[in-house]
PDB file of N, CA and C in Angstrom:
ATOM      1  N   MET A   1       0.924  -1.317   0.052  1.00  0.00           N
ATOM      2  CA  MET A   1       0.085  -0.033   0.114  1.00  0.00           C
ATOM      3  C   MET A   1       0.795   1.406  -0.206  1.00  0.00           C
ATOM      4  N   LYS A   2       0.661   2.299  -0.967  1.00  0.00           N
ATOM      5  CA  LYS A   2       1.416   3.400  -0.931  1.00  0.00           C
ATOM      6  C   LYS A   2       1.123   4.413   0.475  1.00  0.00           C
ATOM      7  N   GLU A   3       2.153   4.644   0.896  1.00  0.00           N
ATOM      8  CA  GLU A   3       2.089   5.790   1.852  1.00  0.00           C
ATOM      9  C   GLU A   3       1.501   6.789   1.742  1.00  0.00           C
ATOM     10  N   GLN A   4       0.456   7.481   2.074  1.00  0.00           N
ATOM     11  CA  GLN A   4      -0.288   8.798   1.734  1.00  0.00           C
ATOM     12  C   GLN A   4      -0.100   9.639   3.053  1.00  0.00           C
ATOM     13  N   ASN A   5      -0.017  11.002   2.754  1.00  0.00           N
ATOM     14  CA  ASN A   5       0.113  12.130   3.512  1.00  0.00           C
ATOM     15  C   ASN A   5      -1.222  12.252   4.174  1.00  0.00           C
ATOM     16  N   PRO A   6      -0.943  12.014   5.725  1.00  0.00           N
ATOM     17  CA  PRO A   6      -2.310  12.011   6.551  1.00  0.00           C
ATOM     18  C   PRO A   6      -3.361  13.324   6.464  1.00  0.00           C
ATOM     19  N   PHE A   7      -2.234  14.288   6.232  1.00  0.00           N
ATOM     20  CA  PHE A   7      -3.040  15.639   6.408  1.00  0.00           C
ATOM     21  C   PHE A   7      -3.993  15.724   5.039  1.00  0.00           C
ATOM     22  N   GLU A   8      -3.311  15.162   3.969  1.00  0.00           N
ATOM     23  CA  GLU A   8      -4.164  15.463   2.591  1.00  0.00           C
ATOM     24  C   GLU A   8      -5.411  14.435   2.885  1.00  0.00           C
ATOM     25  N   ILE A   9      -5.377  13.347   3.451  1.00  0.00           N
ATOM     26  CA  ILE A   9      -6.366  12.378   3.708  1.00  0.00           C
ATOM     27  C   ILE A   9      -7.318  13.179   4.516  1.00  0.00           C
ATOM     28  N   PHE A  10      -6.829  13.775   5.660  1.00  0.00           N
ATOM     29  CA  PHE A  10      -7.912  14.449   6.516  1.00  0.00           C
ATOM     30  C   PHE A  10      -8.510  15.561   5.782  1.00  0.00           C
ATOM     31  N   GLN A  11      -7.855  16.478   4.835  1.00  0.00           N
ATOM     32  CA  GLN A  11      -8.650  17.269   4.206  1.00  0.00           C
ATOM     33  C   GLN A  11      -9.328  16.997   3.325  1.00  0.00           C
ATOM     34  N   ARG A  12      -9.269  15.823   2.537  1.00  0.00           N
ATOM     35  CA  ARG A  12     -10.303  15.378   1.462  1.00  0.00           C
ATOM     36  C   ARG A  12     -11.375  14.701   2.238  1.00  0.00           C
ATOM     37  N   GLU A  13     -11.209  14.044   3.205  1.00  0.00           N
ATOM     38  CA  GLU A  13     -12.548  13.010   3.889  1.00  0.00           C
ATOM     39  C   GLU A  13     -13.092  14.222   4.934  1.00  0.00           C
ATOM     40  N   SER A  14     -12.455  15.069   5.365  1.00  0.00           N
ATOM     41  CA  SER A  14     -13.486  16.111   6.239  1.00  0.00           C
ATOM     42  C   SER A  14     -12.932  17.544   6.203  1.00  0.00           C
ATOM     43  N   PRO A  15     -13.171  18.367   5.085  1.00  0.00           N
ATOM     44  CA  PRO A  15     -12.799  19.290   4.799  1.00  0.00           C
ATOM     45  C   PRO A  15     -13.259  20.367   5.749  1.00  0.00           C
ATOM     46  N   GLU A  16     -14.619  20.339   6.152  1.00  0.00           N
ATOM     47  CA  GLU A  16     -14.742  21.159   7.291  1.00  0.00           C
ATOM     48  C   GLU A  16     -14.186  21.192   8.812  1.00  0.00           C
ATOM     49  N   VAL A  17     -14.101  19.924   9.246  1.00  0.00           N
ATOM     50  CA  VAL A  17     -13.164  19.855  10.357  1.00  0.00           C
ATOM     51  C   VAL A  17     -11.642  20.293  10.060  1.00  0.00           C
ATOM     52  N   PHE A  18     -11.123  19.851   9.004  1.00  0.00           N
ATOM     53  CA  PHE A  18      -9.711  20.166   8.625  1.00  0.00           C
ATOM     54  C   PHE A  18      -9.381  21.803   8.423  1.00  0.00           C
ATOM     55  N   ASN A  19     -10.615  22.606   8.027  1.00  0.00           N
ATOM     56  CA  ASN A  19     -10.294  23.915   7.955  1.00  0.00           C
ATOM     57  C   ASN A  19     -10.600  24.511   9.169  1.00  0.00           C
ATOM     58  N   GLY A  20     -11.213  23.944  10.223  1.00  0.00           N
ATOM     59  CA  GLY A  20     -11.351  24.622  11.438  1.00  0.00           C
ATOM     60  C   GLY A  20     -10.082  24.317  12.238  1.00  0.00           C
ATOM     61  N   PHE A  21      -9.480  22.973  12.064  1.00  0.00           N
ATOM     62  CA  PHE A  21      -8.238  22.674  12.690  1.00  0.00           C
ATOM     63  C   PHE A  21      -7.038  23.494  11.978  1.00  0.00           C
ATOM     64  N   ASN A  22      -7.145  23.692  10.916  1.00  0.00           N
ATOM     65  CA  ASN A  22      -6.190  24.684  10.199  1.00  0.00           C
ATOM     66  C   ASN A  22      -6.172  26.102  10.700  1.00  0.00           C
ATOM     67  N   GLY A  23      -7.449  26.470  10.880  1.00  0.00           N
ATOM     68  CA  GLY A  23      -7.505  27.741  11.317  1.00  0.00           C
ATOM     69  C   GLY A  23      -7.216  27.909  12.648  1.00  0.00           C
ATOM     70  N   LEU A  24      -7.240  26.918  13.670  1.00  0.00           N
ATOM     71  CA  LEU A  24      -6.615  27.038  15.025  1.00  0.00           C
ATOM     72  C   LEU A  24      -5.095  27.033  14.729  1.00  0.00           C
ATOM     73  N   VAL A  25      -4.521  26.137  14.167  1.00  0.00           N
ATOM     74  CA  VAL A  25      -2.945  26.293  13.908  1.00  0.00           C
ATOM     75  C   VAL A  25      -2.665  27.668  13.580  1.00  0.00           C
ATOM     76  N   GLU A  26      -3.328  28.048  12.610  1.00  0.00           N
ATOM     77  CA  GLU A  26      -2.799  29.499  12.041  1.00  0.00           C
ATOM     78  C   GLU A  26      -3.036  30.474  12.833  1.00  0.00           C
ATOM     79  N   SER A  27      -3.797  30.830  13.471  1.00  0.00           N
ATOM     80  CA  SER A  27      -4.051  31.568  14.701  1.00  0.00           C
ATOM     81  C   SER A  27      -2.909  31.269  15.994  1.00  0.00           C
ATOM     82  N   LEU A  28      -2.647  30.230  16.156  1.00  0.00           N
ATOM     83  CA  LEU A  28      -1.579  30.017  17.036  1.00  0.00           C
ATOM     84  C   LEU A  28      -0.181  30.408  16.474  1.00  0.00           C
ATOM     85  N   MET A  29       0.009  30.214  15.071  1.00  0.00           N
ATOM     86  CA  MET A  29       1.437  30.705  14.456  1.00  0.00           C
ATOM     87  C   MET A  29       1.443  32.301  14.439  1.00  0.00           C
ATOM     88  N   HIS A  30       0.275  33.040  14.394  1.00  0.00           N
ATOM     89  CA  HIS A  30       0.330  34.236  14.470  1.00  0.00           C
ATOM     90  C   HIS A  30       0.551  35.159  15.749  1.00  0.00           C
ATOM     91  N   THR A  31       0.566  34.309  16.987  1.00  0.00           N
ATOM     92  CA  THR A  31       0.599  35.049  18.232  1.00  0.00           C
ATOM     93  C   THR A  31       2.162  35.425  17.895  1.00  0.00           C
ATOM     94  N   THR A  32       2.554  36.604  18.980  1.00  0.00           N
ATOM     95  CA  THR A  32       3.904  36.892  18.745  1.00  0.00           C
ATOM     96  C   THR A  32       4.928  36.810  19.946  1.00  0.00           C
ATOM     97  N   ALA A  33       4.588  36.442  21.011  1.00  0.00           N
ATOM     98  CA  ALA A  33       5.295  36.314  22.165  1.00  0.00           C
ATOM     99  C   ALA A  33       6.701  35.569  21.983  1.00  0.00           C
ATOM    100  N   LEU A  34       6.365  34.294  21.195  1.00  0.00           N
ATOM    101  CA  LEU A  34       7.549  33.407  20.722  1.00  0.00           C
ATOM    102  C   LEU A  34       7.829  33.712  19.223  1.00  0.00           C
ATOM    103  N   ASP A  35       9.173  33.550  18.930  1.00  0.00           N
ATOM    104  CA  ASP A  35       9.495  33.645  17.565  1.00  0.00           C
ATOM    105  C   ASP A  35       8.931  32.372  16.905  1.00  0.00           C
ATOM    106  N   PRO A  36       8.951  32.320  15.466  1.00  0.00           N
ATOM    107  CA  PRO A  36       8.286  31.009  14.699  1.00  0.00           C
ATOM    108  C   PRO A  36       9.649  29.777  14.994  1.00  0.00           C
ATOM    109  N   LYS A  37      10.816  29.894  15.153  1.00  0.00           N
ATOM    110  CA  LYS A  37      11.874  28.866  15.466  1.00  0.00           C
ATOM    111  C   LYS A  37      11.285  28.308  16.565  1.00  0.00           C
ATOM    112  N   THR A  38      11.532  29.131  17.598  1.00  0.00           N
ATOM    113  CA  THR A  38      11.069  28.790  19.054  1.00  0.00           C
ATOM    114  C   THR A  38       9.900  27.890  19.196  1.00  0.00           C
ATOM    115  N   LYS A  39       8.816  28.281  18.476  1.00  0.00           N
ATOM    116  CA  LYS A  39       7.557  27.535  18.444  1.00  0.00           C
ATOM    117  C   LYS A  39       7.630  26.392  17.641  1.00  0.00           C
ATOM    118  N   GLN A  40       8.505  26.161  16.797  1.00  0.00           N
ATOM    119  CA  GLN A  40       8.622  24.929  16.051  1.00  0.00           C
ATOM    120  C   GLN A  40       9.265  23.796  16.990  1.00  0.00           C
ATOM    121  N   LEU A  41      10.395  24.405  17.659  1.00  0.00           N
ATOM    122  CA  LEU A  41      11.247  23.634  18.587  1.00  0.00           C
ATOM    123  C   LEU A  41      10.325  23.027  19.826  1.00  0.00           C
ATOM    124  N   ILE A  42       9.412  24.043  20.471  1.00  0.00           N
ATOM    125  CA  ILE A  42       8.521  23.423  21.271  1.00  0.00           C
ATOM    126  C   ILE A  42       7.645  22.303  20.903  1.00  0.00           C
ATOM    127  N   TYR A  43       7.000  22.741  19.649  1.00  0.00           N
ATOM    128  CA  TYR A  43       6.136  21.671  18.992  1.00  0.00           C
ATOM    129  C   TYR A  43       6.947  20.377  19.001  1.00  0.00           C
ATOM    130  N   LEU A  44       8.084  20.457  18.219  1.00  0.00           N
ATOM    131  CA  LEU A  44       8.909  19.147  18.225  1.00  0.00           C
ATOM    132  C   LEU A  44       9.044  18.385  19.388  1.00  0.00           C
ATOM    133  N   GLY A  45       9.510  18.929  20.376  1.00  0.00           N
ATOM    134  CA  GLY A  45       9.571  18.614  21.816  1.00  0.00           C
ATOM    135  C   GLY A  45       8.430  17.868  22.358  1.00  0.00           C
ATOM    136  N   MET A  46       7.372  18.379  22.291  1.00  0.00           N
ATOM    137  CA  MET A  46       6.145  17.956  22.409  1.00  0.00           C
ATOM    138  C   MET A  46       5.792  16.708  21.681  1.00  0.00           C
ATOM    139  N   LYS A  47       5.778  16.715  20.422  1.00  0.00           N
ATOM    140  CA  LYS A  47       5.258  15.570  19.652  1.00  0.00           C
ATOM    141  C   LYS A  47       6.628  14.469  19.773  1.00  0.00           C
ATOM    142  N   ALA A  48       7.692  14.693  20.053  1.00  0.00           N
ATOM    143  CA  ALA A  48       8.567  13.648  20.368  1.00  0.00           C
ATOM    144  C   ALA A  48       8.549  13.148  21.588  1.00  0.00           C
ATOM    145  N   ALA A  49       7.841  13.873  22.832  1.00  0.00           N
ATOM    146  CA  ALA A  49       7.365  13.413  23.870  1.00  0.00           C
ATOM    147  C   ALA A  49       6.406  12.256  23.916  1.00  0.00           C
ATOM    148  N   GLN A  50       5.357  12.425  22.808  1.00  0.00           N
ATOM    149  CA  GLN A  50       4.362  11.616  22.658  1.00  0.00           C
ATOM    150  C   GLN A  50       4.849  10.439  21.366  1.00  0.00           C
ATOM    151  N   GLY A  51       6.048  10.417  21.099  1.00  0.00           N
ATOM    152  CA  GLY A  51       6.433   9.424  19.987  1.00  0.00           C
ATOM    153  C   GLY A  51       6.041   9.602  18.627  1.00  0.00           C
ATOM    154  N   ASP A  52       5.369  10.739  18.204  1.00  0.00           N
ATOM    155  CA  ASP A  52       4.719  10.987  17.120  1.00  0.00           C
ATOM    156  C   ASP A  52       5.881  11.093  15.743  1.00  0.00           C
ATOM    157  N   GLN A  53       6.314  10.177  15.252  1.00  0.00           N
ATOM    158  CA  GLN A  53       7.015  10.152  14.159  1.00  0.00           C
ATOM    159  C   GLN A  53       6.538  10.908  13.099  1.00  0.00           C
ATOM    160  N   THR A  54       5.560  10.912  12.814  1.00  0.00           N
ATOM    161  CA  THR A  54       4.696  11.613  11.418  1.00  0.00           C
ATOM    162  C   THR A  54       4.795  13.240  11.739  1.00  0.00           C
ATOM    163  N   ALA A  55       4.664  13.590  12.815  1.00  0.00           N
ATOM    164  CA  ALA A  55       4.887  15.071  13.089  1.00  0.00           C
ATOM    165  C   ALA A  55       6.461  15.442  12.845  1.00  0.00           C
ATOM    166  N   ILE A  56       7.147  14.591  13.564  1.00  0.00           N
ATOM    167  CA  ILE A  56       8.676  14.707  13.464  1.00  0.00           C
ATOM    168  C   ILE A  56       9.181  14.933  11.936  1.00  0.00           C
ATOM    169  N   MET A  57       8.237  13.956  11.189  1.00  0.00           N
ATOM    170  CA  MET A  57       8.812  13.970   9.753  1.00  0.00           C
ATOM    171  C   MET A  57       8.547  15.352   9.090  1.00  0.00           C
ATOM    172  N   PHE A  58       7.349  16.201   9.496  1.00  0.00           N
ATOM    173  CA  PHE A  58       6.877  17.454   8.815  1.00  0.00           C
ATOM    174  C   PHE A  58       7.767  18.390   9.476  1.00  0.00           C
ATOM    175  N   HIS A  59       7.846  18.449  10.696  1.00  0.00           N
ATOM    176  CA  HIS A  59       8.168  19.776  11.584  1.00  0.00           C
ATOM    177  C   HIS A  59       9.712  19.742  11.437  1.00  0.00           C
ATOM    178  N   VAL A  60      10.445  18.668  11.471  1.00  0.00           N
ATOM    179  CA  VAL A  60      12.191  18.892  11.518  1.00  0.00           C
ATOM    180  C   VAL A  60      12.552  20.090  10.197  1.00  0.00           C
ATOM    181  N   PRO A  61      11.855  19.326   8.985  1.00  0.00           N
ATOM    182  CA  PRO A  61      12.231  20.642   7.878  1.00  0.00           C
ATOM    183  C   PRO A  61      11.657  22.038   8.039  1.00  0.00           C
ATOM    184  N   MET A  62      10.796  22.089   8.802  1.00  0.00           N
ATOM    185  CA  MET A  62      10.072  23.601   8.830  1.00  0.00           C
ATOM    186  C   MET A  62      11.061  24.207  10.001  1.00  0.00           C
ATOM    187  N   ALA A  63      11.459  23.477  11.087  1.00  0.00           N
ATOM    188  CA  ALA A  63      12.391  24.263  12.144  1.00  0.00           C
ATOM    189  C   ALA A  63      13.665  24.563  11.369  1.00  0.00           C
ATOM    190  N   LYS A  64      13.904  23.550  10.731  1.00  0.00           N
ATOM    191  CA  LYS A  64      15.359  23.902  10.007  1.00  0.00           C
ATOM    192  C   LYS A  64      15.370  25.137   8.917  1.00  0.00           C
ATOM    193  N   LYS A  65      14.336  24.893   8.207  1.00  0.00           N
ATOM    194  CA  LYS A  65      14.044  26.201   7.420  1.00  0.00           C
ATOM    195  C   LYS A  65      13.844  27.579   8.073  1.00  0.00           C
ATOM    196  N   LEU A  66      13.770  27.522   9.486  1.00  0.00           N
ATOM    197  CA  LEU A  66      13.402  28.468  10.264  1.00  0.00           C
ATOM    198  C   LEU A  66      14.741  29.024  11.077  1.00  0.00           C
ATOM    199  N   GLY A  67      15.737  28.065  10.721  1.00  0.00           N
ATOM    200  CA  GLY A  67      17.138  28.334  11.279  1.00  0.00           C
ATOM    201  C   GLY A  67      17.505  27.546  12.408  1.00  0.00           C
ATOM    202  N   ALA A  68      16.663  26.462  12.874  1.00  0.00           N
ATOM    203  CA  ALA A  68      16.984  25.739  13.705  1.00  0.00           C
ATOM    204  C   ALA A  68      18.086  24.754  13.347  1.00  0.00           C
ATOM    205  N   SER A  69      19.156  24.813  14.515  1.00  0.00           N
ATOM    206  CA  SER A  69      20.636  23.983  13.989  1.00  0.00           C
ATOM    207  C   SER A  69      20.276  22.552  14.200  1.00  0.00           C
ATOM    208  N   ARG A  70      21.086  21.578  13.707  1.00  0.00           N
ATOM    209  CA  ARG A  70      20.971  20.257  14.388  1.00  0.00           C
ATOM    210  C   ARG A  70      20.891  19.833  15.966  1.00  0.00           C
ATOM    211  N   GLU A  71      21.882  20.755  16.496  1.00  0.00           N
ATOM    212  CA  GLU A  71      22.172  20.531  17.810  1.00  0.00           C
ATOM    213  C   GLU A  71      20.765  21.338  18.536  1.00  0.00           C
ATOM    214  N   GLU A  72      20.219  21.982  18.080  1.00  0.00           N
ATOM    215  CA  GLU A  72      18.752  22.471  18.761  1.00  0.00           C
ATOM    216  C   GLU A  72      17.714  21.611  18.454  1.00  0.00           C
ATOM    217  N   ILE A  73      17.876  20.940  17.527  1.00  0.00           N
ATOM    218  CA  ILE A  73      16.888  19.870  17.177  1.00  0.00           C
ATOM    219  C   ILE A  73      17.004  18.552  17.942  1.00  0.00           C
ATOM    220  N   LYS A  74      18.327  18.349  18.150  1.00  0.00           N
ATOM    221  CA  LYS A  74      18.953  17.362  19.062  1.00  0.00           C
ATOM    222  C   LYS A  74      18.328  17.763  20.530  1.00  0.00           C
ATOM    223  N   GLU A  75      18.717  18.706  20.851  1.00  0.00           N
ATOM    224  CA  GLU A  75      18.611  18.985  22.225  1.00  0.00           C
ATOM    225  C   GLU A  75      17.131  19.203  22.843  1.00  0.00           C
ATOM    226  N   THR A  76      16.322  19.554  21.978  1.00  0.00           N
ATOM    227  CA  THR A  76      14.693  19.695  22.128  1.00  0.00           C
ATOM    228  C   THR A  76      14.376  18.260  22.311  1.00  0.00           C
ATOM    229  N   ILE A  77      14.753  17.308  21.632  1.00  0.00           N
ATOM    230  CA  ILE A  77      14.249  15.790  21.732  1.00  0.00           C
ATOM    231  C   ILE A  77      15.062  15.339  22.990  1.00  0.00           C
ATOM    232  N   LEU A  78      16.040  15.527  23.162  1.00  0.00           N
ATOM    233  CA  LEU A  78      16.578  15.199  24.608  1.00  0.00           C
ATOM    234  C   LEU A  78      16.033  15.508  25.804  1.00  0.00           C
ATOM    235  N   LEU A  79      15.570  16.703  25.735  1.00  0.00           N
ATOM    236  CA  LEU A  79      14.787  17.292  26.968  1.00  0.00           C
ATOM    237  C   LEU A  79      13.688  16.623  27.132  1.00  0.00           C
ATOM    238  N   THR A  80      13.141  15.723  26.204  1.00  0.00           N
ATOM    239  CA  THR A  80      11.975  14.929  26.455  1.00  0.00           C
ATOM    240  C   THR A  80      11.980  13.788  27.323  1.00  0.00           C
ATOM    241  N   LEU A  81      13.460  13.581  27.800  1.00  0.00           N
ATOM    242  CA  LEU A  81      13.710  12.425  28.948  1.00  0.00           C
ATOM    243  C   LEU A  81      13.123  12.916  30.337  1.00  0.00           C
ATOM    244  N   THR A  82      12.951  14.364  30.396  1.00  0.00           N
ATOM    245  CA  THR A  82      12.548  14.854  31.657  1.00  0.00           C
ATOM    246  C   THR A  82      11.114  14.402  31.710  1.00  0.00           C
ATOM    247  N   VAL A  83      10.272  14.477  30.486  1.00  0.00           N
ATOM    248  CA  VAL A  83       8.692  14.165  30.350  1.00  0.00           C
ATOM    249  C   VAL A  83       8.228  12.772  30.695  1.00  0.00           C
ATOM    250  N   CYS A  84       8.937  12.138  29.623  1.00  0.00           N
ATOM    251  CA  CYS A  84       8.614  10.662  29.228  1.00  0.00           C
ATOM    252  C   CYS A  84       9.537   9.764  29.135  1.00  0.00           C
ATOM    253  N   GLY A  85      10.753  10.001  29.826  1.00  0.00           N
ATOM    254  CA  GLY A  85      11.804   8.829  29.917  1.00  0.00           C
ATOM    255  C   GLY A  85      12.562   8.676  28.346  1.00  0.00           C
ATOM    256  N   LEU A  86      12.569   7.539  27.693  1.00  0.00           N
ATOM    257  CA  LEU A  86      13.438   7.000  26.722  1.00  0.00           C
ATOM    258  C   LEU A  86      12.569   7.262  25.387  1.00  0.00           C
ATOM    259  N   LYS A  87      11.186   7.164  25.698  1.00  0.00           N
ATOM    260  CA  LYS A  87       9.973   7.363  24.572  1.00  0.00           C
ATOM    261  C   LYS A  87      10.544   8.168  23.345  1.00  0.00           C
ATOM    262  N   GLY A  88      10.571   9.482  23.708  1.00  0.00           N
ATOM    263  CA  GLY A  88      10.993  10.361  22.507  1.00  0.00           C
ATOM    264  C   GLY A  88      12.460  10.283  22.018  1.00  0.00           C
ATOM    265  N   ILE A  89      13.300   9.727  22.871  1.00  0.00           N
ATOM    266  CA  ILE A  89      14.514   9.687  22.136  1.00  0.00           C
ATOM    267  C   ILE A  89      14.465   8.151  21.478  1.00  0.00           C
ATOM    268  N   ASN A  90      13.852   6.953  22.004  1.00  0.00           N
ATOM    269  CA  ASN A  90      13.695   5.796  21.263  1.00  0.00           C
ATOM    270  C   ASN A  90      12.919   5.983  19.833  1.00  0.00           C
ATOM    271  N   THR A  91      12.098   6.910  19.706  1.00  0.00           N
ATOM    272  CA  THR A  91      11.051   7.113  18.571  1.00  0.00           C
ATOM    273  C   THR A  91      11.399   7.896  17.929  1.00  0.00           C
ATOM    274  N   CYS A  92      12.055   9.146  18.090  1.00  0.00           N
ATOM    275  CA  CYS A  92      12.166  10.199  17.506  1.00  0.00           C
ATOM    276  C   CYS A  92      13.619  10.823  17.270  1.00  0.00           C
ATOM    277  N   LEU A  93      14.558  10.588  17.771  1.00  0.00           N
ATOM    278  CA  LEU A  93      15.801  11.230  17.762  1.00  0.00           C
ATOM    279  C   LEU A  93      16.481  10.531  16.399  1.00  0.00           C
ATOM    280  N   ALA A  94      16.493   9.419  16.070  1.00  0.00           N
ATOM    281  CA  ALA A  94      17.335   9.035  14.860  1.00  0.00           C
ATOM    282  C   ALA A  94      16.837   9.524  13.777  1.00  0.00           C
ATOM    283  N   GLN A  95      15.461   9.450  13.773  1.00  0.00           N
ATOM    284  CA  GLN A  95      14.666   9.957  12.537  1.00  0.00           C
ATOM    285  C   GLN A  95      14.812  11.456  12.263  1.00  0.00           C
ATOM    286  N   ALA A  96      14.793  12.335  13.304  1.00  0.00           N
ATOM    287  CA  ALA A  96      14.853  13.540  13.291  1.00  0.00           C
ATOM    288  C   ALA A  96      16.272  14.014  12.810  1.00  0.00           C
ATOM    289  N   LEU A  97      17.470  13.366  13.301  1.00  0.00           N
ATOM    290  CA  LEU A  97      18.728  13.765  13.032  1.00  0.00           C
ATOM    291  C   LEU A  97      18.945  13.438  11.395  1.00  0.00           C
ATOM    292  N   GLU A  98      18.260  11.948  11.030  1.00  0.00           N
ATOM    293  CA  GLU A  98      18.580  11.897   9.785  1.00  0.00           C
ATOM    294  C   GLU A  98      17.551  12.848   8.742  1.00  0.00           C
ATOM    295  N   ILE A  99      16.580  13.202   8.864  1.00  0.00           N
ATOM    296  CA  ILE A  99      15.648  13.971   8.326  1.00  0.00           C
ATOM    297  C   ILE A  99      16.485  15.456   8.296  1.00  0.00           C
ATOM    298  N   TYR A 100      17.019  16.040   9.426  1.00  0.00           N
ATOM    299  CA  TYR A 100      17.693  17.123   9.210  1.00  0.00           C
ATOM    300  C   TYR A 100      19.047  17.185   8.220  1.00  0.00           C
ATOM    301  N   ASP A 101      19.693  16.080   8.464  1.00  0.00           N
ATOM    302  CA  ASP A 101      20.937  15.878   7.796  1.00  0.00           C
ATOM    303  C   ASP A 101      20.800  15.551   6.349  1.00  0.00           C
ATOM    304  N   ASN A 102      19.460  15.212   5.912  1.00  0.00           N
ATOM    305  CA  ASN A 102      18.982  14.719   4.523  1.00  0.00           C
ATOM    306  C   ASN A 102      18.205  15.751   3.694  1.00  0.00           C
ATOM    307  N   GLU A 103      17.725  16.818   4.578  1.00  0.00           N
ATOM    308  CA  GLU A 103      16.949  18.145   4.114  1.00  0.00           C
ATOM    309  C   GLU A 103      17.759  18.925   3.308  1.00  0.00           C
TER     310      GLU A 103
END
């Protein structure tokens, strides 16, 4: 089975809900207390703590594009140790660094 983009499926199958979700995300991205790179790093840390490899796949390139270094990506995921033990590292660290290095 061909791997599909989950957001494309979400948008196609439930456009009304997708638009509402997307509006929420957009409003959060337009807040100004944190710069966009910091927001991406925080988001990566939260998603890595959950073991969300799909989010890592999409958000590491976004963070890199916003100027995040490889060390910042790594440290963000390492910080998940204090929240969820090894889960974030075991599920997301290697993937995140590989994506960063190959982006």
